[in-house]
mmCIF file of all heavy atoms, coordinates in Angstrom:
data_MODEL
# 
_entry.id   MODEL 
# 
loop_
_atom_site.group_PDB 
_atom_site.id 
_atom_site.type_symbol 
_atom_site.label_atom_id 
_atom_site.label_alt_id 
_atom_site.label_comp_id 
_atom_site.label_asym_id 
_atom_site.label_entity_id 
_atom_site.label_seq_id 
_atom_site.pdbx_PDB_ins_code 
_atom_site.Cartn_x 
_atom_site.Cartn_y 
_atom_site.Cartn_z 
_atom_site.occupancy 
_atom_site.B_iso_or_equiv 
_atom_site.pdbx_formal_charge 
_atom_site.auth_seq_id 
_atom_site.auth_comp_id 
_atom_site.auth_asym_id 
_atom_site.auth_atom_id 
_atom_site.pdbx_PDB_model_num 
ATOM 1   N N   . LEU A 1 1  ? 65.807 142.036 142.002 1.00 0.00 ? 1  LEU A N   1 
ATOM 2   C CA  . LEU A 1 1  ? 66.750 141.617 141.042 1.00 0.00 ? 1  LEU A CA  1 
ATOM 3   C C   . LEU A 1 1  ? 68.074 142.198 141.390 1.00 0.00 ? 1  LEU A C   1 
ATOM 4   O O   . LEU A 1 1  ? 68.275 143.424 141.371 1.00 0.00 ? 1  LEU A O   1 
ATOM 5   C CB  . LEU A 1 1  ? 66.401 142.099 139.639 1.00 0.00 ? 1  LEU A CB  1 
ATOM 6   C CG  . LEU A 1 1  ? 67.341 141.586 138.501 1.00 0.00 ? 1  LEU A CG  1 
ATOM 7   C CD1 . LEU A 1 1  ? 67.225 140.138 138.209 1.00 0.00 ? 1  LEU A CD1 1 
ATOM 8   C CD2 . LEU A 1 1  ? 66.930 142.378 137.244 1.00 0.00 ? 1  LEU A CD2 1 
ATOM 9   N N   . GLN A 1 2  ? 69.007 141.285 141.831 1.00 0.00 ? 2  GLN A N   1 
ATOM 10  C CA  . GLN A 1 2  ? 70.306 141.795 142.226 1.00 0.00 ? 2  GLN A CA  1 
ATOM 11  C C   . GLN A 1 2  ? 71.206 141.748 140.920 1.00 0.00 ? 2  GLN A C   1 
ATOM 12  O O   . GLN A 1 2  ? 71.358 140.600 140.284 1.00 0.00 ? 2  GLN A O   1 
ATOM 13  C CB  . GLN A 1 2  ? 70.979 140.926 143.218 1.00 0.00 ? 2  GLN A CB  1 
ATOM 14  C CG  . GLN A 1 2  ? 72.403 141.271 143.634 1.00 0.00 ? 2  GLN A CG  1 
ATOM 15  C CD  . GLN A 1 2  ? 72.556 142.582 144.258 1.00 0.00 ? 2  GLN A CD  1 
ATOM 16  O OE1 . GLN A 1 2  ? 71.762 142.856 145.216 1.00 0.00 ? 2  GLN A OE1 1 
ATOM 17  N NE2 . GLN A 1 2  ? 73.325 143.428 143.743 1.00 0.00 ? 2  GLN A NE2 1 
ATOM 18  N N   . MET A 1 3  ? 71.738 142.892 140.522 1.00 0.00 ? 3  MET A N   1 
ATOM 19  C CA  . MET A 1 3  ? 72.557 143.011 139.405 1.00 0.00 ? 3  MET A CA  1 
ATOM 20  C C   . MET A 1 3  ? 73.944 143.270 139.635 1.00 0.00 ? 3  MET A C   1 
ATOM 21  O O   . MET A 1 3  ? 74.288 144.444 140.171 1.00 0.00 ? 3  MET A O   1 
ATOM 22  C CB  . MET A 1 3  ? 71.961 143.985 138.342 1.00 0.00 ? 3  MET A CB  1 
ATOM 23  C CG  . MET A 1 3  ? 70.441 143.751 138.113 1.00 0.00 ? 3  MET A CG  1 
ATOM 24  S SD  . MET A 1 3  ? 69.761 144.893 136.837 1.00 0.00 ? 3  MET A SD  1 
ATOM 25  C CE  . MET A 1 3  ? 69.983 146.473 137.750 1.00 0.00 ? 3  MET A CE  1 
ATOM 26  N N   . ASN A 1 4  ? 74.853 142.454 139.225 1.00 0.00 ? 4  ASN A N   1 
ATOM 27  C CA  . ASN A 1 4  ? 76.276 142.679 139.528 1.00 0.00 ? 4  ASN A CA  1 
ATOM 28  C C   . ASN A 1 4  ? 77.169 142.703 138.220 1.00 0.00 ? 4  ASN A C   1 
ATOM 29  O O   . ASN A 1 4  ? 76.571 142.238 137.240 1.00 0.00 ? 4  ASN A O   1 
ATOM 30  C CB  . ASN A 1 4  ? 76.795 141.605 140.405 1.00 0.00 ? 4  ASN A CB  1 
ATOM 31  C CG  . ASN A 1 4  ? 76.172 141.551 141.813 1.00 0.00 ? 4  ASN A CG  1 
ATOM 32  O OD1 . ASN A 1 4  ? 75.898 142.521 142.392 1.00 0.00 ? 4  ASN A OD1 1 
ATOM 33  N ND2 . ASN A 1 4  ? 75.967 140.256 142.302 1.00 0.00 ? 4  ASN A ND2 1 
ATOM 34  N N   . SER A 1 5  ? 78.223 143.199 138.252 1.00 0.00 ? 5  SER A N   1 
ATOM 35  C CA  . SER A 1 5  ? 79.169 143.205 137.063 1.00 0.00 ? 5  SER A CA  1 
ATOM 36  C C   . SER A 1 5  ? 78.400 143.806 135.825 1.00 0.00 ? 5  SER A C   1 
ATOM 37  O O   . SER A 1 5  ? 78.397 143.260 134.752 1.00 0.00 ? 5  SER A O   1 
ATOM 38  C CB  . SER A 1 5  ? 79.662 141.736 136.740 1.00 0.00 ? 5  SER A CB  1 
ATOM 39  O OG  . SER A 1 5  ? 80.413 141.304 137.762 1.00 0.00 ? 5  SER A OG  1 
ATOM 40  N N   . LEU A 1 6  ? 77.749 144.973 136.076 1.00 0.00 ? 6  LEU A N   1 
ATOM 41  C CA  . LEU A 1 6  ? 76.933 145.476 135.023 1.00 0.00 ? 6  LEU A CA  1 
ATOM 42  C C   . LEU A 1 6  ? 77.768 145.952 133.819 1.00 0.00 ? 6  LEU A C   1 
ATOM 43  O O   . LEU A 1 6  ? 78.866 146.370 133.972 1.00 0.00 ? 6  LEU A O   1 
ATOM 44  C CB  . LEU A 1 6  ? 76.136 146.621 135.561 1.00 0.00 ? 6  LEU A CB  1 
ATOM 45  C CG  . LEU A 1 6  ? 74.883 146.257 136.338 1.00 0.00 ? 6  LEU A CG  1 
ATOM 46  C CD1 . LEU A 1 6  ? 74.466 147.363 137.344 1.00 0.00 ? 6  LEU A CD1 1 
ATOM 47  C CD2 . LEU A 1 6  ? 73.650 145.861 135.571 1.00 0.00 ? 6  LEU A CD2 1 
ATOM 48  N N   . LYS A 1 7  ? 77.171 145.769 132.633 1.00 0.00 ? 7  LYS A N   1 
ATOM 49  C CA  . LYS A 1 7  ? 77.820 146.062 131.301 1.00 0.00 ? 7  LYS A CA  1 
ATOM 50  C C   . LYS A 1 7  ? 76.996 147.188 130.787 1.00 0.00 ? 7  LYS A C   1 
ATOM 51  O O   . LYS A 1 7  ? 75.739 147.282 130.900 1.00 0.00 ? 7  LYS A O   1 
ATOM 52  C CB  . LYS A 1 7  ? 77.915 144.845 130.525 1.00 0.00 ? 7  LYS A CB  1 
ATOM 53  C CG  . LYS A 1 7  ? 78.598 143.783 131.136 1.00 0.00 ? 7  LYS A CG  1 
ATOM 54  C CD  . LYS A 1 7  ? 78.618 142.454 130.233 1.00 0.00 ? 7  LYS A CD  1 
ATOM 55  C CE  . LYS A 1 7  ? 79.368 141.354 130.810 1.00 0.00 ? 7  LYS A CE  1 
ATOM 56  N NZ  . LYS A 1 7  ? 79.199 140.072 129.864 1.00 0.00 ? 7  LYS A NZ  1 
ATOM 57  N N   . PRO A 1 8  ? 77.547 147.974 129.802 1.00 0.00 ? 8  PRO A N   1 
ATOM 58  C CA  . PRO A 1 8  ? 76.792 148.869 129.004 1.00 0.00 ? 8  PRO A CA  1 
ATOM 59  C C   . PRO A 1 8  ? 75.543 148.328 128.254 1.00 0.00 ? 8  PRO A C   1 
ATOM 60  O O   . PRO A 1 8  ? 74.468 149.045 128.245 1.00 0.00 ? 8  PRO A O   1 
ATOM 61  C CB  . PRO A 1 8  ? 77.762 149.575 128.023 1.00 0.00 ? 8  PRO A CB  1 
ATOM 62  C CG  . PRO A 1 8  ? 79.113 149.365 128.777 1.00 0.00 ? 8  PRO A CG  1 
ATOM 63  C CD  . PRO A 1 8  ? 78.915 148.090 129.486 1.00 0.00 ? 8  PRO A CD  1 
ATOM 64  N N   . GLU A 1 9  ? 75.650 147.154 127.810 1.00 0.00 ? 9  GLU A N   1 
ATOM 65  C CA  . GLU A 1 9  ? 74.614 146.465 127.193 1.00 0.00 ? 9  GLU A CA  1 
ATOM 66  C C   . GLU A 1 9  ? 73.379 146.115 128.064 1.00 0.00 ? 9  GLU A C   1 
ATOM 67  O O   . GLU A 1 9  ? 72.336 145.668 127.538 1.00 0.00 ? 9  GLU A O   1 
ATOM 68  C CB  . GLU A 1 9  ? 75.053 145.208 126.344 1.00 0.00 ? 9  GLU A CB  1 
ATOM 69  C CG  . GLU A 1 9  ? 75.921 144.275 127.138 1.00 0.00 ? 9  GLU A CG  1 
ATOM 70  C CD  . GLU A 1 9  ? 77.380 144.503 126.937 1.00 0.00 ? 9  GLU A CD  1 
ATOM 71  O OE1 . GLU A 1 9  ? 77.900 145.588 126.975 1.00 0.00 ? 9  GLU A OE1 1 
ATOM 72  O OE2 . GLU A 1 9  ? 78.121 143.441 126.877 1.00 0.00 ? 9  GLU A OE2 1 
ATOM 73  N N   . ASP A 1 10 ? 73.630 146.176 129.348 1.00 0.00 ? 10 ASP A N   1 
ATOM 74  C CA  . ASP A 1 10 ? 72.498 146.057 130.223 1.00 0.00 ? 10 ASP A CA  1 
ATOM 75  C C   . ASP A 1 10 ? 71.596 147.207 130.371 1.00 0.00 ? 10 ASP A C   1 
ATOM 76  O O   . ASP A 1 10 ? 70.482 147.144 130.964 1.00 0.00 ? 10 ASP A O   1 
ATOM 77  C CB  . ASP A 1 10 ? 73.060 145.633 131.652 1.00 0.00 ? 10 ASP A CB  1 
ATOM 78  C CG  . ASP A 1 10 ? 73.717 144.376 131.715 1.00 0.00 ? 10 ASP A CG  1 
ATOM 79  O OD1 . ASP A 1 10 ? 73.264 143.467 131.117 1.00 0.00 ? 10 ASP A OD1 1 
ATOM 80  O OD2 . ASP A 1 10 ? 74.799 144.257 132.477 1.00 0.00 ? 10 ASP A OD2 1 
ATOM 81  N N   . THR A 1 11 ? 72.036 148.374 129.820 1.00 0.00 ? 11 THR A N   1 
ATOM 82  C CA  . THR A 1 11 ? 71.234 149.613 129.900 1.00 0.00 ? 11 THR A CA  1 
ATOM 83  C C   . THR A 1 11 ? 69.883 149.242 129.182 1.00 0.00 ? 11 THR A C   1 
ATOM 84  O O   . THR A 1 11 ? 69.762 148.832 127.949 1.00 0.00 ? 11 THR A O   1 
ATOM 85  C CB  . THR A 1 11 ? 71.894 150.783 129.040 1.00 0.00 ? 11 THR A CB  1 
ATOM 86  O OG1 . THR A 1 11 ? 73.164 151.057 129.715 1.00 0.00 ? 11 THR A OG1 1 
ATOM 87  C CG2 . THR A 1 11 ? 71.060 151.987 129.088 1.00 0.00 ? 11 THR A CG2 1 
ATOM 88  N N   . ALA A 1 12 ? 68.779 149.681 129.855 1.00 0.00 ? 12 ALA A N   1 
ATOM 89  C CA  . ALA A 1 12 ? 67.426 149.403 129.458 1.00 0.00 ? 12 ALA A CA  1 
ATOM 90  C C   . ALA A 1 12 ? 66.497 149.864 130.503 1.00 0.00 ? 12 ALA A C   1 
ATOM 91  O O   . ALA A 1 12 ? 66.870 150.131 131.624 1.00 0.00 ? 12 ALA A O   1 
ATOM 92  C CB  . ALA A 1 12 ? 67.181 147.905 129.194 1.00 0.00 ? 12 ALA A CB  1 
ATOM 93  N N   . VAL A 1 13 ? 65.146 149.932 130.196 1.00 0.00 ? 13 VAL A N   1 
ATOM 94  C CA  . VAL A 1 13 ? 64.146 150.082 131.198 1.00 0.00 ? 13 VAL A CA  1 
ATOM 95  C C   . VAL A 1 13 ? 63.754 148.705 131.641 1.00 0.00 ? 13 VAL A C   1 
ATOM 96  O O   . VAL A 1 13 ? 63.422 147.738 130.794 1.00 0.00 ? 13 VAL A O   1 
ATOM 97  C CB  . VAL A 1 13 ? 62.940 150.752 130.649 1.00 0.00 ? 13 VAL A CB  1 
ATOM 98  C CG1 . VAL A 1 13 ? 61.847 150.832 131.624 1.00 0.00 ? 13 VAL A CG1 1 
ATOM 99  C CG2 . VAL A 1 13 ? 63.272 152.187 130.127 1.00 0.00 ? 13 VAL A CG2 1 
ATOM 100 N N   . TYR A 1 14 ? 63.746 148.495 132.984 1.00 0.00 ? 14 TYR A N   1 
ATOM 101 C CA  . TYR A 1 14 ? 63.475 147.171 133.532 1.00 0.00 ? 14 TYR A CA  1 
ATOM 102 C C   . TYR A 1 14 ? 62.114 147.111 134.133 1.00 0.00 ? 14 TYR A C   1 
ATOM 103 O O   . TYR A 1 14 ? 61.661 148.082 134.840 1.00 0.00 ? 14 TYR A O   1 
ATOM 104 C CB  . TYR A 1 14 ? 64.541 146.887 134.635 1.00 0.00 ? 14 TYR A CB  1 
ATOM 105 C CG  . TYR A 1 14 ? 65.800 146.461 134.140 1.00 0.00 ? 14 TYR A CG  1 
ATOM 106 C CD1 . TYR A 1 14 ? 66.702 147.222 133.489 1.00 0.00 ? 14 TYR A CD1 1 
ATOM 107 C CD2 . TYR A 1 14 ? 66.244 145.165 134.203 1.00 0.00 ? 14 TYR A CD2 1 
ATOM 108 C CE1 . TYR A 1 14 ? 67.922 146.927 132.923 1.00 0.00 ? 14 TYR A CE1 1 
ATOM 109 C CE2 . TYR A 1 14 ? 67.501 144.650 133.759 1.00 0.00 ? 14 TYR A CE2 1 
ATOM 110 C CZ  . TYR A 1 14 ? 68.361 145.648 133.066 1.00 0.00 ? 14 TYR A CZ  1 
ATOM 111 O OH  . TYR A 1 14 ? 69.480 145.304 132.523 1.00 0.00 ? 14 TYR A OH  1 
ATOM 112 N N   . TYR A 1 15 ? 61.377 146.121 133.796 1.00 0.00 ? 15 TYR A N   1 
ATOM 113 C CA  . TYR A 1 15 ? 59.951 146.004 134.122 1.00 0.00 ? 15 TYR A CA  1 
ATOM 114 C C   . TYR A 1 15 ? 59.710 144.825 134.973 1.00 0.00 ? 15 TYR A C   1 
ATOM 115 O O   . TYR A 1 15 ? 60.168 143.719 134.718 1.00 0.00 ? 15 TYR A O   1 
ATOM 116 C CB  . TYR A 1 15 ? 59.046 145.937 132.948 1.00 0.00 ? 15 TYR A CB  1 
ATOM 117 C CG  . TYR A 1 15 ? 59.034 147.056 132.054 1.00 0.00 ? 15 TYR A CG  1 
ATOM 118 C CD1 . TYR A 1 15 ? 59.908 147.280 130.996 1.00 0.00 ? 15 TYR A CD1 1 
ATOM 119 C CD2 . TYR A 1 15 ? 58.149 148.229 132.225 1.00 0.00 ? 15 TYR A CD2 1 
ATOM 120 C CE1 . TYR A 1 15 ? 60.010 148.348 130.156 1.00 0.00 ? 15 TYR A CE1 1 
ATOM 121 C CE2 . TYR A 1 15 ? 58.077 149.303 131.324 1.00 0.00 ? 15 TYR A CE2 1 
ATOM 122 C CZ  . TYR A 1 15 ? 59.049 149.315 130.304 1.00 0.00 ? 15 TYR A CZ  1 
ATOM 123 O OH  . TYR A 1 15 ? 59.045 150.495 129.564 1.00 0.00 ? 15 TYR A OH  1 
ATOM 124 N N   . CYS A 1 16 ? 58.967 145.068 135.984 1.00 0.00 ? 16 CYS A N   1 
ATOM 125 C CA  . CYS A 1 16 ? 58.518 144.072 136.985 1.00 0.00 ? 16 CYS A CA  1 
ATOM 126 C C   . CYS A 1 16 ? 57.213 143.345 136.297 1.00 0.00 ? 16 CYS A C   1 
ATOM 127 O O   . CYS A 1 16 ? 56.410 144.060 135.833 1.00 0.00 ? 16 CYS A O   1 
ATOM 128 C CB  . CYS A 1 16 ? 58.356 144.502 138.277 1.00 0.00 ? 16 CYS A CB  1 
ATOM 129 S SG  . CYS A 1 16 ? 57.577 143.360 139.463 1.00 0.00 ? 16 CYS A SG  1 
ATOM 130 N N   . ASN A 1 17 ? 57.077 142.135 136.420 1.00 0.00 ? 17 ASN A N   1 
ATOM 131 C CA  . ASN A 1 17 ? 55.898 141.461 135.974 1.00 0.00 ? 17 ASN A CA  1 
ATOM 132 C C   . ASN A 1 17 ? 55.443 140.398 136.947 1.00 0.00 ? 17 ASN A C   1 
ATOM 133 O O   . ASN A 1 17 ? 56.272 139.684 137.632 1.00 0.00 ? 17 ASN A O   1 
ATOM 134 C CB  . ASN A 1 17 ? 56.168 140.783 134.629 1.00 0.00 ? 17 ASN A CB  1 
ATOM 135 C CG  . ASN A 1 17 ? 55.014 139.847 134.080 1.00 0.00 ? 17 ASN A CG  1 
ATOM 136 O OD1 . ASN A 1 17 ? 55.069 138.647 134.210 1.00 0.00 ? 17 ASN A OD1 1 
ATOM 137 N ND2 . ASN A 1 17 ? 53.877 140.522 133.704 1.00 0.00 ? 17 ASN A ND2 1 
ATOM 138 N N   . ALA A 1 18 ? 54.127 140.231 137.163 1.00 0.00 ? 18 ALA A N   1 
ATOM 139 C CA  . ALA A 1 18 ? 53.690 139.273 138.087 1.00 0.00 ? 18 ALA A CA  1 
ATOM 140 C C   . ALA A 1 18 ? 52.236 138.722 137.707 1.00 0.00 ? 18 ALA A C   1 
ATOM 141 O O   . ALA A 1 18 ? 51.417 139.537 137.148 1.00 0.00 ? 18 ALA A O   1 
ATOM 142 C CB  . ALA A 1 18 ? 53.501 139.846 139.561 1.00 0.00 ? 18 ALA A CB  1 
ATOM 143 N N   . ASP A 1 19 ? 52.086 137.490 137.904 1.00 0.00 ? 19 ASP A N   1 
ATOM 144 C CA  . ASP A 1 19 ? 50.761 136.764 137.659 1.00 0.00 ? 19 ASP A CA  1 
ATOM 145 C C   . ASP A 1 19 ? 50.175 136.740 139.029 1.00 0.00 ? 19 ASP A C   1 
ATOM 146 O O   . ASP A 1 19 ? 50.546 135.972 139.933 1.00 0.00 ? 19 ASP A O   1 
ATOM 147 C CB  . ASP A 1 19 ? 51.066 135.373 137.177 1.00 0.00 ? 19 ASP A CB  1 
ATOM 148 C CG  . ASP A 1 19 ? 49.764 134.630 136.947 1.00 0.00 ? 19 ASP A CG  1 
ATOM 149 O OD1 . ASP A 1 19 ? 48.661 135.065 137.033 1.00 0.00 ? 19 ASP A OD1 1 
ATOM 150 O OD2 . ASP A 1 19 ? 49.957 133.297 136.725 1.00 0.00 ? 19 ASP A OD2 1 
ATOM 151 N N   . VAL A 1 20 ? 49.138 137.622 139.124 1.00 0.00 ? 20 VAL A N   1 
ATOM 152 C CA  . VAL A 1 20 ? 48.454 137.944 140.524 1.00 0.00 ? 20 VAL A CA  1 
ATOM 153 C C   . VAL A 1 20 ? 47.003 137.442 140.465 1.00 0.00 ? 20 VAL A C   1 
ATOM 154 O O   . VAL A 1 20 ? 46.278 137.654 139.544 1.00 0.00 ? 20 VAL A O   1 
ATOM 155 C CB  . VAL A 1 20 ? 48.608 139.364 140.797 1.00 0.00 ? 20 VAL A CB  1 
ATOM 156 C CG1 . VAL A 1 20 ? 47.899 139.681 142.139 1.00 0.00 ? 20 VAL A CG1 1 
ATOM 157 C CG2 . VAL A 1 20 ? 49.962 139.850 140.788 1.00 0.00 ? 20 VAL A CG2 1 
ATOM 158 N N   . ILE A 1 21 ? 46.721 136.792 141.683 1.00 0.00 ? 21 ILE A N   1 
ATOM 159 C CA  . ILE A 1 21 ? 45.366 136.545 141.972 1.00 0.00 ? 21 ILE A CA  1 
ATOM 160 C C   . ILE A 1 21 ? 44.858 137.505 143.033 1.00 0.00 ? 21 ILE A C   1 
ATOM 161 O O   . ILE A 1 21 ? 45.321 137.581 144.237 1.00 0.00 ? 21 ILE A O   1 
ATOM 162 C CB  . ILE A 1 21 ? 45.096 135.110 142.485 1.00 0.00 ? 21 ILE A CB  1 
ATOM 163 C CG1 . ILE A 1 21 ? 45.506 134.042 141.490 1.00 0.00 ? 21 ILE A CG1 1 
ATOM 164 C CG2 . ILE A 1 21 ? 43.676 134.886 142.851 1.00 0.00 ? 21 ILE A CG2 1 
ATOM 165 C CD1 . ILE A 1 21 ? 45.656 132.663 141.847 1.00 0.00 ? 21 ILE A CD1 1 
ATOM 166 N N   . GLY A 1 22 ? 43.937 138.401 142.611 1.00 0.00 ? 22 GLY A N   1 
ATOM 167 C CA  . GLY A 1 22 ? 43.471 139.492 143.497 1.00 0.00 ? 22 GLY A CA  1 
ATOM 168 C C   . GLY A 1 22 ? 42.130 138.970 144.094 1.00 0.00 ? 22 GLY A C   1 
ATOM 169 O O   . GLY A 1 22 ? 41.387 138.396 143.396 1.00 0.00 ? 22 GLY A O   1 
ATOM 170 N N   . PHE A 1 23 ? 41.895 139.529 145.305 1.00 0.00 ? 23 PHE A N   1 
ATOM 171 C CA  . PHE A 1 23 ? 40.639 139.205 145.987 1.00 0.00 ? 23 PHE A CA  1 
ATOM 172 C C   . PHE A 1 23 ? 39.459 139.721 145.230 1.00 0.00 ? 23 PHE A C   1 
ATOM 173 O O   . PHE A 1 23 ? 38.415 139.006 145.047 1.00 0.00 ? 23 PHE A O   1 
ATOM 174 C CB  . PHE A 1 23 ? 40.776 139.700 147.438 1.00 0.00 ? 23 PHE A CB  1 
ATOM 175 C CG  . PHE A 1 23 ? 39.430 139.346 148.221 1.00 0.00 ? 23 PHE A CG  1 
ATOM 176 C CD1 . PHE A 1 23 ? 39.182 138.033 148.641 1.00 0.00 ? 23 PHE A CD1 1 
ATOM 177 C CD2 . PHE A 1 23 ? 38.548 140.405 148.541 1.00 0.00 ? 23 PHE A CD2 1 
ATOM 178 C CE1 . PHE A 1 23 ? 38.098 137.844 149.404 1.00 0.00 ? 23 PHE A CE1 1 
ATOM 179 C CE2 . PHE A 1 23 ? 37.375 140.073 149.202 1.00 0.00 ? 23 PHE A CE2 1 
ATOM 180 C CZ  . PHE A 1 23 ? 37.124 138.714 149.684 1.00 0.00 ? 23 PHE A CZ  1 
ATOM 181 N N   . ARG A 1 24 ? 39.564 140.930 144.714 1.00 0.00 ? 24 ARG A N   1 
ATOM 182 C CA  . ARG A 1 24 ? 38.502 141.635 144.071 1.00 0.00 ? 24 ARG A CA  1 
ATOM 183 C C   . ARG A 1 24 ? 38.650 141.558 142.577 1.00 0.00 ? 24 ARG A C   1 
ATOM 184 O O   . ARG A 1 24 ? 37.531 141.427 141.868 1.00 0.00 ? 24 ARG A O   1 
ATOM 185 C CB  . ARG A 1 24 ? 38.442 143.094 144.448 1.00 0.00 ? 24 ARG A CB  1 
ATOM 186 C CG  . ARG A 1 24 ? 38.273 143.298 145.924 1.00 0.00 ? 24 ARG A CG  1 
ATOM 187 C CD  . ARG A 1 24 ? 38.334 144.898 146.154 1.00 0.00 ? 24 ARG A CD  1 
ATOM 188 N NE  . ARG A 1 24 ? 37.281 145.571 145.560 1.00 0.00 ? 24 ARG A NE  1 
ATOM 189 C CZ  . ARG A 1 24 ? 37.301 146.952 145.366 1.00 0.00 ? 24 ARG A CZ  1 
ATOM 190 N NH1 . ARG A 1 24 ? 38.379 147.581 145.804 1.00 0.00 ? 24 ARG A NH1 1 
ATOM 191 N NH2 . ARG A 1 24 ? 36.313 147.524 144.704 1.00 0.00 ? 24 ARG A NH2 1 
ATOM 192 N N   . ASP A 1 25 ? 39.800 141.536 142.014 1.00 0.00 ? 25 ASP A N   1 
ATOM 193 C CA  . ASP A 1 25 ? 40.012 141.581 140.601 1.00 0.00 ? 25 ASP A CA  1 
ATOM 194 C C   . ASP A 1 25 ? 40.186 140.197 139.938 1.00 0.00 ? 25 ASP A C   1 
ATOM 195 O O   . ASP A 1 25 ? 40.235 140.222 138.669 1.00 0.00 ? 25 ASP A O   1 
ATOM 196 C CB  . ASP A 1 25 ? 41.160 142.512 140.338 1.00 0.00 ? 25 ASP A CB  1 
ATOM 197 C CG  . ASP A 1 25 ? 41.082 143.875 140.775 1.00 0.00 ? 25 ASP A CG  1 
ATOM 198 O OD1 . ASP A 1 25 ? 39.926 144.363 140.815 1.00 0.00 ? 25 ASP A OD1 1 
ATOM 199 O OD2 . ASP A 1 25 ? 42.109 144.506 141.173 1.00 0.00 ? 25 ASP A OD2 1 
ATOM 200 N N   . GLY A 1 26 ? 40.393 139.236 140.615 1.00 0.00 ? 26 GLY A N   1 
ATOM 201 C CA  . GLY A 1 26 ? 40.626 137.919 140.024 1.00 0.00 ? 26 GLY A CA  1 
ATOM 202 C C   . GLY A 1 26 ? 42.113 137.832 139.600 1.00 0.00 ? 26 GLY A C   1 
ATOM 203 O O   . GLY A 1 26 ? 42.924 138.610 139.911 1.00 0.00 ? 26 GLY A O   1 
ATOM 204 N N   . ARG A 1 27 ? 42.279 136.838 138.668 1.00 0.00 ? 27 ARG A N   1 
ATOM 205 C CA  . ARG A 1 27 ? 43.598 136.588 138.123 1.00 0.00 ? 27 ARG A CA  1 
ATOM 206 C C   . ARG A 1 27 ? 43.984 137.645 137.024 1.00 0.00 ? 27 ARG A C   1 
ATOM 207 O O   . ARG A 1 27 ? 43.132 137.934 136.155 1.00 0.00 ? 27 ARG A O   1 
ATOM 208 C CB  . ARG A 1 27 ? 43.728 135.216 137.575 1.00 0.00 ? 27 ARG A CB  1 
ATOM 209 C CG  . ARG A 1 27 ? 45.183 134.830 137.211 1.00 0.00 ? 27 ARG A CG  1 
ATOM 210 C CD  . ARG A 1 27 ? 45.180 133.272 136.888 1.00 0.00 ? 27 ARG A CD  1 
ATOM 211 N NE  . ARG A 1 27 ? 46.556 132.970 136.636 1.00 0.00 ? 27 ARG A NE  1 
ATOM 212 C CZ  . ARG A 1 27 ? 47.034 131.710 136.334 1.00 0.00 ? 27 ARG A CZ  1 
ATOM 213 N NH1 . ARG A 1 27 ? 46.066 130.751 136.264 1.00 0.00 ? 27 ARG A NH1 1 
ATOM 214 N NH2 . ARG A 1 27 ? 48.245 131.395 136.106 1.00 0.00 ? 27 ARG A NH2 1 
# 
């Protein structure tokens, strides 16, 4: 995530999310 022109209201904890198909764990 490239973030430019950042503003104070962008302040937060940012979380990555992914829909993953694992070989052992499945989806």
